[in-house]
Amino acid sequence: MGSSNGNGTVAAARDQVLQELREGERFVLVTHENPDGDALGSLVAMHGVLRALGKDALMFMDADEFPLPYEYAFFRLDNLVTVLPDDLEERTVVFLDCGNIDRVPSDLLRNADAHIVNVDHHHDNTHFGTVNLVVADASCTAEIVWDLMRELGVEATPEIADALYVGLVTDTGKFMYENTGTRAHKMAAALIDAGVDVHEIYRRLYEGMPEPKLLLLARALNHVQRFDDGRLTITLLTREDFLATGAEDSFTEGIIDHLRAVRGTKVAAMARELPGNGDGTRSKVSLRATDGEVDVSAIARAGGGGGHRQAAGFTTRLSGEELVAFLREELAAQLAAAR
């Protein structure tokens, strides 16, 4: 399962992917575990594009991913399977928004004989595919799918347009993050022309908050700690916080943005203790940078994860105190190197 174009140009990779999509007949589409808006939006949109081309295309997600977070429950997931098809070896596997093959739940998808088309925008993507289209300056993977759709001559149906817009608006932080450029706004305009109801998408994603999510937010803000003159702003959520509020794990979405907005913060961090499985305590750590001075993806990689310069994450067995010490050390090293 080697890369055929890890060092090639993006244009050459795009041509290869377009050829794969035009000539292939059967596909299975996958994305990373705990999918966010860009992962789901890219998955649904690419499925719609391939179906419009008359292809046999399935979406795969592990059964453990369901139910989806409430903000994404409106997605129609026709032709989605939770068990990989028997003819997997005869299908082209299209990975979407997945920087590392280890971020998928099924070992079968890591088969050395798998024919993989890897479509992503993470700058630290490991180029694990047979063909790799990694566009690091794209605002989101949905933007790359949008480009491919137009090259393939497919018109955006309302379902495709909504899915692409969800990917765009969530990965750009409602057009506030550093990755928001001219193309992101042009894409938004084109999708609105295709029928996207901007207010309705906003309402589905950011309103209708369940009360337990509000209660969890209150606890998270109450747990906030700041270190090194406020350059690190962090909150730690335990299983007790989830049990006491009745909140689901997915209700942590958006909490870190409150920390990121605090004056003086260079890195915002949120750690949530994961449900136990008998092998010790693990926590999922989310990181956000507030400017270009710190690359949180480098911190995440040091912790065994990855992501973008502005948004990244990793899973750890460090205690709360150990995690804080690790983050302070990594942050100090980057700031010292920048001087």
C-alpha atoms as a PDB file:
ATOM      1  CA  MET A   1       0.000   0.000   0.000  1.00  0.00           C
ATOM      2  CA  GLY A   2       2.609   2.527  -1.074  1.00  0.00           C
ATOM      3  CA  SER A   3       2.212   6.106  -2.150  1.00  0.00           C
ATOM      4  CA  SER A   4       2.437   6.686  -5.869  1.00  0.00           C
ATOM      5  CA  ASN A   5       2.684  10.444  -5.641  1.00  0.00           C
ATOM      6  CA  GLY A   6       3.719  11.444  -2.151  1.00  0.00           C
ATOM      7  CA  ASN A   7       6.273  13.840  -3.618  1.00  0.00           C
ATOM      8  CA  GLY A   8       4.338  14.705  -6.754  1.00  0.00           C
ATOM      9  CA  THR A   9       2.459  17.880  -7.469  1.00  0.00           C
ATOM     10  CA  VAL A  10      -1.084  18.503  -6.351  1.00  0.00           C
ATOM     11  CA  ALA A  11      -2.138  18.955  -9.976  1.00  0.00           C
ATOM     12  CA  ALA A  12      -0.804  15.528 -10.939  1.00  0.00           C
ATOM     13  CA  ALA A  13      -2.482  13.962  -7.912  1.00  0.00           C
ATOM     14  CA  ARG A  14      -5.786  15.626  -8.788  1.00  0.00           C
ATOM     15  CA  ASP A  15      -5.585  14.217 -12.318  1.00  0.00           C
ATOM     16  CA  GLN A  16      -4.939  10.739 -10.921  1.00  0.00           C
ATOM     17  CA  VAL A  17      -7.882  10.965  -8.539  1.00  0.00           C
ATOM     18  CA  LEU A  18     -10.176  12.215 -11.288  1.00  0.00           C
ATOM     19  CA  GLN A  19      -9.126   9.250 -13.420  1.00  0.00           C
ATOM     20  CA  GLU A  20      -9.811   6.855 -10.527  1.00  0.00           C
ATOM     21  CA  LEU A  21     -13.280   8.326  -9.992  1.00  0.00           C
ATOM     22  CA  ARG A  22     -14.165   8.310 -13.697  1.00  0.00           C
ATOM     23  CA  GLU A  23     -12.903   4.815 -14.456  1.00  0.00           C
ATOM     24  CA  GLY A  24     -13.760   2.985 -11.245  1.00  0.00           C
ATOM     25  CA  GLU A  25     -17.123   1.264 -10.925  1.00  0.00           C
ATOM     26  CA  ARG A  26     -17.362   0.257  -7.261  1.00  0.00           C
ATOM     27  CA  PHE A  27     -16.301   2.320  -4.271  1.00  0.00           C
ATOM     28  CA  VAL A  28     -16.464   2.338  -0.491  1.00  0.00           C
ATOM     29  CA  LEU A  29     -16.065   5.710   1.199  1.00  0.00           C
ATOM     30  CA  VAL A  30     -14.650   6.077   4.711  1.00  0.00           C
ATOM     31  CA  THR A  31     -13.600   8.843   7.073  1.00  0.00           C
ATOM     32  CA  HIS A  32     -11.927   9.141  10.448  1.00  0.00           C
ATOM     33  CA  GLU A  33     -13.302   7.997  13.792  1.00  0.00           C
ATOM     34  CA  ASN A  34     -15.459  10.443  15.754  1.00  0.00           C
ATOM     35  CA  PRO A  35     -16.265  12.283  12.516  1.00  0.00           C
ATOM     36  CA  ASP A  36     -16.729  16.043  12.600  1.00  0.00           C
ATOM     37  CA  GLY A  37     -18.640  18.258  10.179  1.00  0.00           C
ATOM     38  CA  ASP A  38     -15.985  18.199   7.471  1.00  0.00           C
ATOM     39  CA  ALA A  39     -15.586  14.426   7.685  1.00  0.00           C
ATOM     40  CA  LEU A  40     -19.333  13.782   7.427  1.00  0.00           C
ATOM     41  CA  GLY A  41     -19.937  16.514   4.883  1.00  0.00           C
ATOM     42  CA  SER A  42     -17.154  15.257   2.622  1.00  0.00           C
ATOM     43  CA  LEU A  43     -18.350  11.670   2.987  1.00  0.00           C
ATOM     44  CA  VAL A  44     -21.964  12.460   2.082  1.00  0.00           C
ATOM     45  CA  ALA A  45     -21.010  14.839  -0.719  1.00  0.00           C
ATOM     46  CA  MET A  46     -18.549  12.429  -2.366  1.00  0.00           C
ATOM     47  CA  HIS A  47     -21.158   9.700  -2.165  1.00  0.00           C
ATOM     48  CA  GLY A  48     -23.631  11.974  -3.937  1.00  0.00           C
ATOM     49  CA  VAL A  49     -21.092  12.813  -6.636  1.00  0.00           C
ATOM     50  CA  LEU A  50     -20.292   9.158  -7.336  1.00  0.00           C
ATOM     51  CA  ARG A  51     -23.970   8.213  -7.404  1.00  0.00           C
ATOM     52  CA  ALA A  52     -24.578  11.033  -9.881  1.00  0.00           C
ATOM     53  CA  LEU A  53     -21.924   9.411 -12.081  1.00  0.00           C
ATOM     54  CA  GLY A  54     -23.793   6.105 -11.900  1.00  0.00           C
ATOM     55  CA  LYS A  55     -21.238   4.409  -9.668  1.00  0.00           C
ATOM     56  CA  ASP A  56     -21.840   1.678  -7.083  1.00  0.00           C
ATOM     57  CA  ALA A  57     -20.789   3.592  -3.973  1.00  0.00           C
ATOM     58  CA  LEU A  58     -21.199   2.712  -0.302  1.00  0.00           C
ATOM     59  CA  MET A  59     -20.349   4.763   2.777  1.00  0.00           C
ATOM     60  CA  PHE A  60     -18.848   2.906   5.721  1.00  0.00           C
ATOM     61  CA  MET A  61     -18.878   3.965   9.357  1.00  0.00           C
ATOM     62  CA  ASP A  62     -18.410   1.766  12.397  1.00  0.00           C
ATOM     63  CA  ALA A  63     -21.589   1.051  14.374  1.00  0.00           C
ATOM     64  CA  ASP A  64     -19.923   2.613  17.422  1.00  0.00           C
ATOM     65  CA  GLU A  65     -20.180   6.029  15.760  1.00  0.00           C
ATOM     66  CA  PHE A  66     -23.965   6.021  16.145  1.00  0.00           C
ATOM     67  CA  PRO A  67     -26.006   7.821  17.147  1.00  0.00           C
ATOM     68  CA  LEU A  68     -24.292  10.800  15.574  1.00  0.00           C
ATOM     69  CA  PRO A  69     -23.974  14.025  17.575  1.00  0.00           C
ATOM     70  CA  TYR A  70     -27.305  15.871  17.552  1.00  0.00           C
ATOM     71  CA  GLU A  71     -25.989  18.637  15.274  1.00  0.00           C
ATOM     72  CA  TYR A  72     -25.261  16.125  12.492  1.00  0.00           C
ATOM     73  CA  ALA A  73     -28.322  13.920  12.910  1.00  0.00           C
ATOM     74  CA  PHE A  74     -30.032  15.585   9.934  1.00  0.00           C
ATOM     75  CA  PHE A  75     -27.631  13.985   7.439  1.00  0.00           C
ATOM     76  CA  ARG A  76     -29.285  11.409   5.198  1.00  0.00           C
ATOM     77  CA  LEU A  77     -27.019   8.385   5.135  1.00  0.00           C
ATOM     78  CA  ASP A  78     -28.519   6.282   2.353  1.00  0.00           C
ATOM     79  CA  ASN A  79     -26.204   3.464   1.254  1.00  0.00           C
ATOM     80  CA  LEU A  80     -24.277   3.578   4.513  1.00  0.00           C
ATOM     81  CA  VAL A  81     -23.077   0.268   5.932  1.00  0.00           C
ATOM     82  CA  THR A  82     -21.629  -0.539   9.346  1.00  0.00           C
ATOM     83  CA  VAL A  83     -20.087  -3.808   8.146  1.00  0.00           C
ATOM     84  CA  LEU A  84     -17.603  -3.741   5.295  1.00  0.00           C
ATOM     85  CA  PRO A  85     -18.913  -5.396   2.104  1.00  0.00           C
ATOM     86  CA  ASP A  86     -17.792  -8.870   1.094  1.00  0.00           C
ATOM     87  CA  ASP A  87     -16.434  -7.505  -2.180  1.00  0.00           C
ATOM     88  CA  LEU A  88     -14.170  -4.963  -0.440  1.00  0.00           C
ATOM     89  CA  GLU A  89     -11.085  -6.165  -2.325  1.00  0.00           C
ATOM     90  CA  GLU A  90     -12.827  -5.324  -5.597  1.00  0.00           C
ATOM     91  CA  ARG A  91     -13.721  -1.788  -4.529  1.00  0.00           C
ATOM     92  CA  THR A  92     -11.674   1.391  -4.555  1.00  0.00           C
ATOM     93  CA  VAL A  93     -11.475   2.668  -0.980  1.00  0.00           C
ATOM     94  CA  VAL A  94     -11.773   6.457  -0.804  1.00  0.00           C
ATOM     95  CA  PHE A  95     -10.527   7.973   2.447  1.00  0.00           C
ATOM     96  CA  LEU A  96     -11.859  11.456   3.164  1.00  0.00           C
ATOM     97  CA  ASP A  97     -10.473  13.935   5.716  1.00  0.00           C
ATOM     98  CA  CYS A  98      -8.246  11.294   7.283  1.00  0.00           C
ATOM     99  CA  GLY A  99      -4.657  12.332   7.952  1.00  0.00           C
ATOM    100  CA  ASN A 100      -3.536   8.924   9.180  1.00  0.00           C
ATOM    101  CA  ILE A 101      -4.826   5.447   8.343  1.00  0.00           C
ATOM    102  CA  ASP A 102      -4.754   4.561  12.038  1.00  0.00           C
ATOM    103  CA  ARG A 103      -7.684   6.948  12.554  1.00  0.00           C
ATOM    104  CA  VAL A 104     -10.119   4.446  11.021  1.00  0.00           C
ATOM    105  CA  PRO A 105     -11.746   1.733  13.144  1.00  0.00           C
ATOM    106  CA  SER A 106     -11.393  -1.308  10.882  1.00  0.00           C
ATOM    107  CA  ASP A 107      -8.208  -3.312  10.462  1.00  0.00           C
ATOM    108  CA  LEU A 108      -9.545  -4.559   7.130  1.00  0.00           C
ATOM    109  CA  LEU A 109      -9.112  -1.062   5.690  1.00  0.00           C
ATOM    110  CA  ARG A 110      -5.411  -1.215   6.522  1.00  0.00           C
ATOM    111  CA  ASN A 111      -4.953  -4.267   4.292  1.00  0.00           C
ATOM    112  CA  ALA A 112      -1.746  -3.976   2.319  1.00  0.00           C
ATOM    113  CA  ASP A 113      -3.608  -4.952  -0.869  1.00  0.00           C
ATOM    114  CA  ALA A 114      -6.272  -2.260  -0.535  1.00  0.00           C
ATOM    115  CA  HIS A 115      -6.472   0.212  -3.411  1.00  0.00           C
ATOM    116  CA  ILE A 116      -6.796   3.538  -1.596  1.00  0.00           C
ATOM    117  CA  VAL A 117      -7.584   7.028  -2.842  1.00  0.00           C
ATOM    118  CA  ASN A 118      -6.606   9.418  -0.063  1.00  0.00           C
ATOM    119  CA  VAL A 119      -8.320  12.849  -0.229  1.00  0.00           C
ATOM    120  CA  ASP A 120      -7.433  15.232   2.575  1.00  0.00           C
ATOM    121  CA  HIS A 121      -6.253  18.704   3.609  1.00  0.00           C
ATOM    122  CA  HIS A 122      -4.226  17.926   6.763  1.00  0.00           C
ATOM    123  CA  HIS A 123      -0.687  19.187   6.216  1.00  0.00           C
ATOM    124  CA  ASP A 124       0.713  16.255   8.225  1.00  0.00           C
ATOM    125  CA  ASN A 125      -1.111  13.597   6.201  1.00  0.00           C
ATOM    126  CA  THR A 126       1.051  10.469   6.010  1.00  0.00           C
ATOM    127  CA  HIS A 127       0.302   9.792   2.310  1.00  0.00           C
ATOM    128  CA  PHE A 128      -0.878   6.279   3.076  1.00  0.00           C
ATOM    129  CA  GLY A 129      -2.867   5.847  -0.115  1.00  0.00           C
ATOM    130  CA  THR A 130      -2.186   4.293  -3.465  1.00  0.00           C
ATOM    131  CA  VAL A 131      -3.066   7.745  -4.790  1.00  0.00           C
ATOM    132  CA  ASN A 132      -2.840  10.784  -2.526  1.00  0.00           C
ATOM    133  CA  LEU A 133      -4.554  14.112  -3.110  1.00  0.00           C
ATOM    134  CA  VAL A 134      -3.504  16.195  -0.122  1.00  0.00           C
ATOM    135  CA  VAL A 135      -4.186  19.910  -0.537  1.00  0.00           C
ATOM    136  CA  ALA A 136      -2.798  21.510   2.589  1.00  0.00           C
ATOM    137  CA  ASP A 137      -3.940  25.027   1.698  1.00  0.00           C
ATOM    138  CA  ALA A 138      -7.569  23.982   1.192  1.00  0.00           C
ATOM    139  CA  SER A 139      -9.874  25.313   3.907  1.00  0.00           C
ATOM    140  CA  CYS A 140     -11.411  21.860   4.366  1.00  0.00           C
ATOM    141  CA  THR A 141     -11.646  18.484   2.674  1.00  0.00           C
ATOM    142  CA  ALA A 142     -15.106  19.509   1.466  1.00  0.00           C
ATOM    143  CA  GLU A 143     -13.414  22.182  -0.641  1.00  0.00           C
ATOM    144  CA  ILE A 144     -11.368  19.493  -2.399  1.00  0.00           C
ATOM    145  CA  VAL A 145     -14.508  17.410  -2.996  1.00  0.00           C
ATOM    146  CA  TRP A 146     -16.179  20.543  -4.406  1.00  0.00           C
ATOM    147  CA  ASP A 147     -13.279  20.983  -6.854  1.00  0.00           C
ATOM    148  CA  LEU A 148     -13.442  17.326  -7.922  1.00  0.00           C
ATOM    149  CA  MET A 149     -17.214  17.534  -8.367  1.00  0.00           C
ATOM    150  CA  ARG A 150     -16.894  20.454 -10.765  1.00  0.00           C
ATOM    151  CA  GLU A 151     -14.085  18.772 -12.717  1.00  0.00           C
ATOM    152  CA  LEU A 152     -16.308  15.706 -13.070  1.00  0.00           C
ATOM    153  CA  GLY A 153     -19.141  17.820 -14.444  1.00  0.00           C
ATOM    154  CA  VAL A 154     -21.549  17.000 -11.609  1.00  0.00           C
ATOM    155  CA  GLU A 155     -24.103  19.603 -10.572  1.00  0.00           C
ATOM    156  CA  ALA A 156     -24.568  20.032  -6.826  1.00  0.00           C
ATOM    157  CA  THR A 157     -27.904  18.617  -5.706  1.00  0.00           C
ATOM    158  CA  PRO A 158     -29.412  20.230  -2.571  1.00  0.00           C
ATOM    159  CA  GLU A 159     -28.119  17.287  -0.526  1.00  0.00           C
ATOM    160  CA  ILE A 160     -24.566  17.582  -1.904  1.00  0.00           C
ATOM    161  CA  ALA A 161     -24.579  21.358  -1.469  1.00  0.00           C
ATOM    162  CA  ASP A 162     -25.759  21.126   2.157  1.00  0.00           C
ATOM    163  CA  ALA A 163     -23.112  18.505   2.952  1.00  0.00           C
ATOM    164  CA  LEU A 164     -20.316  20.580   1.398  1.00  0.00           C
ATOM    165  CA  TYR A 165     -21.482  23.698   3.223  1.00  0.00           C
ATOM    166  CA  VAL A 166     -21.480  21.865   6.563  1.00  0.00           C
ATOM    167  CA  GLY A 167     -17.880  20.796   5.940  1.00  0.00           C
ATOM    168  CA  LEU A 168     -16.911  24.328   4.989  1.00  0.00           C
ATOM    169  CA  VAL A 169     -18.620  26.222   7.800  1.00  0.00           C
ATOM    170  CA  THR A 170     -17.474  23.855  10.568  1.00  0.00           C
ATOM    171  CA  ASP A 171     -13.827  23.547   9.524  1.00  0.00           C
ATOM    172  CA  THR A 172     -13.426  27.304   9.063  1.00  0.00           C
ATOM    173  CA  GLY A 173     -15.051  28.027  12.427  1.00  0.00           C
ATOM    174  CA  LYS A 174     -17.953  29.848  10.763  1.00  0.00           C
ATOM    175  CA  PHE A 175     -15.405  31.588   8.481  1.00  0.00           C
ATOM    176  CA  MET A 176     -13.343  32.886  11.423  1.00  0.00           C
ATOM    177  CA  TYR A 177     -10.263  30.640  11.363  1.00  0.00           C
ATOM    178  CA  GLU A 178      -6.972  31.358   9.650  1.00  0.00           C
ATOM    179  CA  ASN A 179      -7.739  28.794   6.919  1.00  0.00           C
ATOM    180  CA  THR A 180     -10.595  30.972   5.612  1.00  0.00           C
ATOM    181  CA  GLY A 181      -9.480  32.413   2.298  1.00  0.00           C
ATOM    182  CA  THR A 182     -10.954  33.763  -0.896  1.00  0.00           C
ATOM    183  CA  ARG A 183     -11.797  30.318  -2.202  1.00  0.00           C
ATOM    184  CA  ALA A 184     -13.778  29.463   0.916  1.00  0.00           C
ATOM    185  CA  HIS A 185     -16.047  32.435   0.350  1.00  0.00           C
ATOM    186  CA  LYS A 186     -16.355  31.709  -3.368  1.00  0.00           C
ATOM    187  CA  MET A 187     -17.309  28.143  -2.528  1.00  0.00           C
ATOM    188  CA  ALA A 188     -19.887  29.379  -0.019  1.00  0.00           C
ATOM    189  CA  ALA A 189     -21.389  31.695  -2.613  1.00  0.00           C
ATOM    190  CA  ALA A 190     -21.618  28.889  -5.178  1.00  0.00           C
ATOM    191  CA  LEU A 191     -23.276  26.567  -2.675  1.00  0.00           C
ATOM    192  CA  ILE A 192     -25.783  29.235  -1.669  1.00  0.00           C
ATOM    193  CA  ASP A 193     -26.579  29.660  -5.371  1.00  0.00           C
ATOM    194  CA  ALA A 194     -27.096  25.876  -5.464  1.00  0.00           C
ATOM    195  CA  GLY A 195     -29.790  26.162  -2.799  1.00  0.00           C
ATOM    196  CA  VAL A 196     -28.137  26.077   0.630  1.00  0.00           C
ATOM    197  CA  ASP A 197     -30.302  27.729   3.280  1.00  0.00           C
ATOM    198  CA  VAL A 198     -27.597  29.381   5.388  1.00  0.00           C
ATOM    199  CA  HIS A 199     -29.807  30.107   8.383  1.00  0.00           C
ATOM    200  CA  GLU A 200     -31.231  26.578   8.417  1.00  0.00           C
ATOM    201  CA  ILE A 201     -27.755  25.035   8.375  1.00  0.00           C
ATOM    202  CA  TYR A 202     -26.671  27.392  11.173  1.00  0.00           C
ATOM    203  CA  ARG A 203     -29.743  26.499  13.211  1.00  0.00           C
ATOM    204  CA  ARG A 204     -29.090  22.772  12.826  1.00  0.00           C
ATOM    205  CA  LEU A 205     -25.421  23.056  13.744  1.00  0.00           C
ATOM    206  CA  TYR A 206     -25.395  25.662  16.470  1.00  0.00           C
ATOM    207  CA  GLU A 207     -28.870  25.992  17.967  1.00  0.00           C
ATOM    208  CA  GLY A 208     -31.254  23.545  19.666  1.00  0.00           C
ATOM    209  CA  MET A 209     -28.651  22.819  22.347  1.00  0.00           C
ATOM    210  CA  PRO A 210     -29.695  20.063  24.788  1.00  0.00           C
ATOM    211  CA  GLU A 211     -29.689  21.234  28.413  1.00  0.00           C
ATOM    212  CA  PRO A 212     -27.015  18.681  29.459  1.00  0.00           C
ATOM    213  CA  LYS A 213     -24.632  20.337  26.992  1.00  0.00           C
ATOM    214  CA  LEU A 214     -25.174  23.694  28.699  1.00  0.00           C
ATOM    215  CA  LEU A 215     -24.547  22.118  32.103  1.00  0.00           C
ATOM    216  CA  LEU A 216     -21.350  20.475  30.821  1.00  0.00           C
ATOM    217  CA  LEU A 217     -20.178  23.820  29.439  1.00  0.00           C
ATOM    218  CA  ALA A 218     -20.737  25.372  32.861  1.00  0.00           C
ATOM    219  CA  ARG A 219     -18.573  22.690  34.467  1.00  0.00           C
ATOM    220  CA  ALA A 220     -15.873  23.042  31.840  1.00  0.00           C
ATOM    221  CA  LEU A 221     -15.669  26.795  32.373  1.00  0.00           C
ATOM    222  CA  ASN A 222     -15.595  26.280  36.127  1.00  0.00           C
ATOM    223  CA  HIS A 223     -12.587  23.952  35.711  1.00  0.00           C
ATOM    224  CA  VAL A 224     -10.548  26.397  33.597  1.00  0.00           C
ATOM    225  CA  GLN A 225      -6.905  26.856  34.602  1.00  0.00           C
ATOM    226  CA  ARG A 226      -4.363  29.242  33.098  1.00  0.00           C
ATOM    227  CA  PHE A 227      -0.596  28.874  33.096  1.00  0.00           C
ATOM    228  CA  ASP A 228       2.454  30.876  32.034  1.00  0.00           C
ATOM    229  CA  ASP A 229       0.799  34.282  32.159  1.00  0.00           C
ATOM    230  CA  GLY A 230      -2.264  32.864  30.454  1.00  0.00           C
ATOM    231  CA  ARG A 231      -0.506  31.544  27.368  1.00  0.00           C
ATOM    232  CA  LEU A 232      -1.963  28.092  28.104  1.00  0.00           C
ATOM    233  CA  THR A 233      -5.687  28.002  28.898  1.00  0.00           C
ATOM    234  CA  ILE A 234      -6.946  24.524  29.741  1.00  0.00           C
ATOM    235  CA  THR A 235      -9.948  22.708  31.145  1.00  0.00           C
ATOM    236  CA  LEU A 236     -10.190  19.081  32.248  1.00  0.00           C
ATOM    237  CA  LEU A 237     -13.470  17.133  32.198  1.00  0.00           C
ATOM    238  CA  THR A 238     -13.808  13.897  34.160  1.00  0.00           C
ATOM    239  CA  ARG A 239     -16.343  11.090  33.781  1.00  0.00           C
ATOM    240  CA  GLU A 240     -18.019  12.499  36.878  1.00  0.00           C
ATOM    241  CA  ASP A 241     -18.746  15.708  34.945  1.00  0.00           C
ATOM    242  CA  PHE A 242     -20.522  13.702  32.252  1.00  0.00           C
ATOM    243  CA  LEU A 243     -22.448  11.558  34.731  1.00  0.00           C
ATOM    244  CA  ALA A 244     -23.555  14.520  36.840  1.00  0.00           C
ATOM    245  CA  THR A 245     -24.839  16.482  33.848  1.00  0.00           C
ATOM    246  CA  GLY A 246     -26.165  13.602  31.753  1.00  0.00           C
ATOM    247  CA  ALA A 247     -24.040  14.865  28.870  1.00  0.00           C
ATOM    248  CA  GLU A 248     -22.792  12.746  25.973  1.00  0.00           C
ATOM    249  CA  ASP A 249     -19.147  12.812  24.921  1.00  0.00           C
ATOM    250  CA  SER A 250     -20.057  14.708  21.750  1.00  0.00           C
ATOM    251  CA  PHE A 251     -21.434  17.586  23.847  1.00  0.00           C
ATOM    252  CA  THR A 252     -17.875  18.855  24.320  1.00  0.00           C
ATOM    253  CA  GLU A 253     -18.009  20.242  20.762  1.00  0.00           C
ATOM    254  CA  GLY A 254     -17.458  23.993  20.845  1.00  0.00           C
ATOM    255  CA  ILE A 255     -16.288  24.254  24.463  1.00  0.00           C
ATOM    256  CA  ILE A 256     -12.683  24.861  23.462  1.00  0.00           C
ATOM    257  CA  ASP A 257     -13.678  27.921  21.422  1.00  0.00           C
ATOM    258  CA  HIS A 258     -14.553  29.713  24.670  1.00  0.00           C
ATOM    259  CA  LEU A 259     -11.026  29.045  25.956  1.00  0.00           C
ATOM    260  CA  ARG A 260      -9.409  30.065  22.695  1.00  0.00           C
ATOM    261  CA  ALA A 261     -11.144  33.448  22.883  1.00  0.00           C
ATOM    262  CA  VAL A 262      -9.567  34.441  26.238  1.00  0.00           C
ATOM    263  CA  ARG A 263      -7.133  37.336  25.948  1.00  0.00           C
ATOM    264  CA  GLY A 264      -3.476  36.319  26.150  1.00  0.00           C
ATOM    265  CA  THR A 265      -4.075  32.681  25.225  1.00  0.00           C
ATOM    266  CA  LYS A 266      -1.595  31.131  22.811  1.00  0.00           C
ATOM    267  CA  VAL A 267      -2.877  27.549  23.156  1.00  0.00           C
ATOM    268  CA  ALA A 268      -6.302  26.446  24.357  1.00  0.00           C
ATOM    269  CA  ALA A 269      -6.642  22.847  25.509  1.00  0.00           C
ATOM    270  CA  MET A 270      -9.550  20.695  26.581  1.00  0.00           C
ATOM    271  CA  ALA A 271      -9.103  17.172  27.929  1.00  0.00           C
ATOM    272  CA  ARG A 272     -12.039  14.842  28.453  1.00  0.00           C
ATOM    273  CA  GLU A 273     -11.710  11.543  30.237  1.00  0.00           C
ATOM    274  CA  LEU A 274     -12.880   8.706  28.000  1.00  0.00           C
ATOM    275  CA  PRO A 275     -15.150   5.871  29.164  1.00  0.00           C
ATOM    276  CA  GLY A 276     -13.069   3.136  30.794  1.00  0.00           C
ATOM    277  CA  ASN A 277     -12.523  -0.226  29.155  1.00  0.00           C
ATOM    278  CA  GLY A 278     -10.537  -1.867  31.933  1.00  0.00           C
ATOM    279  CA  ASP A 279      -7.081  -0.879  30.677  1.00  0.00           C
ATOM    280  CA  GLY A 280      -6.672   2.374  32.580  1.00  0.00           C
ATOM    281  CA  THR A 281      -7.739   5.982  32.226  1.00  0.00           C
ATOM    282  CA  ARG A 282      -7.416   7.647  28.852  1.00  0.00           C
ATOM    283  CA  SER A 283      -8.214  11.231  27.902  1.00  0.00           C
ATOM    284  CA  LYS A 284      -8.924  12.846  24.562  1.00  0.00           C
ATOM    285  CA  VAL A 285      -7.111  16.170  24.257  1.00  0.00           C
ATOM    286  CA  SER A 286      -8.198  18.903  21.843  1.00  0.00           C
ATOM    287  CA  LEU A 287      -5.860  21.801  21.057  1.00  0.00           C
ATOM    288  CA  ARG A 288      -6.408  25.191  19.403  1.00  0.00           C
ATOM    289  CA  ALA A 289      -3.899  27.903  18.539  1.00  0.00           C
ATOM    290  CA  THR A 290      -4.853  31.553  18.491  1.00  0.00           C
ATOM    291  CA  ASP A 291      -2.253  32.799  16.011  1.00  0.00           C
ATOM    292  CA  GLY A 292       0.537  31.585  13.747  1.00  0.00           C
ATOM    293  CA  GLU A 293       3.175  31.604  16.475  1.00  0.00           C
ATOM    294  CA  VAL A 294       2.368  28.122  17.787  1.00  0.00           C
ATOM    295  CA  ASP A 295       1.774  24.967  15.725  1.00  0.00           C
ATOM    296  CA  VAL A 296      -0.521  22.780  17.828  1.00  0.00           C
ATOM    297  CA  SER A 297      -0.243  19.908  15.335  1.00  0.00           C
ATOM    298  CA  ALA A 298       3.412  19.562  16.377  1.00  0.00           C
ATOM    299  CA  ILE A 299       2.331  19.345  20.021  1.00  0.00           C
ATOM    300  CA  ALA A 300      -0.305  16.772  19.089  1.00  0.00           C
ATOM    301  CA  ARG A 301       2.232  14.682  17.153  1.00  0.00           C
ATOM    302  CA  ALA A 302       4.492  14.687  20.196  1.00  0.00           C
ATOM    303  CA  GLY A 303       1.534  13.229  22.086  1.00  0.00           C
ATOM    304  CA  GLY A 304       0.828  10.595  19.427  1.00  0.00           C
ATOM    305  CA  GLY A 305      -1.846  12.461  17.461  1.00  0.00           C
ATOM    306  CA  GLY A 306      -1.965  15.093  14.746  1.00  0.00           C
ATOM    307  CA  GLY A 307      -4.058  17.681  12.984  1.00  0.00           C
ATOM    308  CA  HIS A 308      -3.686  21.223  11.679  1.00  0.00           C
ATOM    309  CA  ARG A 309      -1.445  24.081  12.795  1.00  0.00           C
ATOM    310  CA  GLN A 310      -4.481  25.774  14.338  1.00  0.00           C
ATOM    311  CA  ALA A 311      -6.476  22.740  15.507  1.00  0.00           C
ATOM    312  CA  ALA A 312      -5.204  19.317  16.543  1.00  0.00           C
ATOM    313  CA  GLY A 313      -5.612  16.570  19.105  1.00  0.00           C
ATOM    314  CA  PHE A 314      -4.370  13.356  20.637  1.00  0.00           C
ATOM    315  CA  THR A 315      -5.321  10.634  23.096  1.00  0.00           C
ATOM    316  CA  THR A 316      -3.219  10.177  26.211  1.00  0.00           C
ATOM    317  CA  ARG A 317      -2.872   8.245  29.450  1.00  0.00           C
ATOM    318  CA  LEU A 318      -1.179  11.175  31.193  1.00  0.00           C
ATOM    319  CA  SER A 319      -2.757  12.378  34.417  1.00  0.00           C
ATOM    320  CA  GLY A 320      -4.093  15.917  34.555  1.00  0.00           C
ATOM    321  CA  GLU A 321      -0.906  17.233  36.186  1.00  0.00           C
ATOM    322  CA  GLU A 322       1.309  15.343  33.734  1.00  0.00           C
ATOM    323  CA  LEU A 323      -0.700  16.647  30.795  1.00  0.00           C
ATOM    324  CA  VAL A 324      -0.385  20.239  31.960  1.00  0.00           C
ATOM    325  CA  ALA A 325       3.372  19.787  32.406  1.00  0.00           C
ATOM    326  CA  PHE A 326       3.684  18.265  28.912  1.00  0.00           C
ATOM    327  CA  LEU A 327       1.707  21.079  27.264  1.00  0.00           C
ATOM    328  CA  ARG A 328       3.625  23.809  29.105  1.00  0.00           C
ATOM    329  CA  GLU A 329       6.932  22.265  28.052  1.00  0.00           C
ATOM    330  CA  GLU A 330       5.909  21.926  24.395  1.00  0.00           C
ATOM    331  CA  LEU A 331       4.491  25.451  24.296  1.00  0.00           C
ATOM    332  CA  ALA A 332       7.598  26.953  25.903  1.00  0.00           C
ATOM    333  CA  ALA A 333       9.858  25.141  23.431  1.00  0.00           C
ATOM    334  CA  GLN A 334       7.981  26.508  20.437  1.00  0.00           C
ATOM    335  CA  LEU A 335       7.878  30.051  21.767  1.00  0.00           C
ATOM    336  CA  ALA A 336      11.591  29.921  22.582  1.00  0.00           C
ATOM    337  CA  ALA A 337      12.413  28.654  19.100  1.00  0.00           C
ATOM    338  CA  ALA A 338      10.405  31.478  17.546  1.00  0.00           C
ATOM    339  CA  ARG A 339      12.411  34.168  19.302  1.00  0.00           C
END
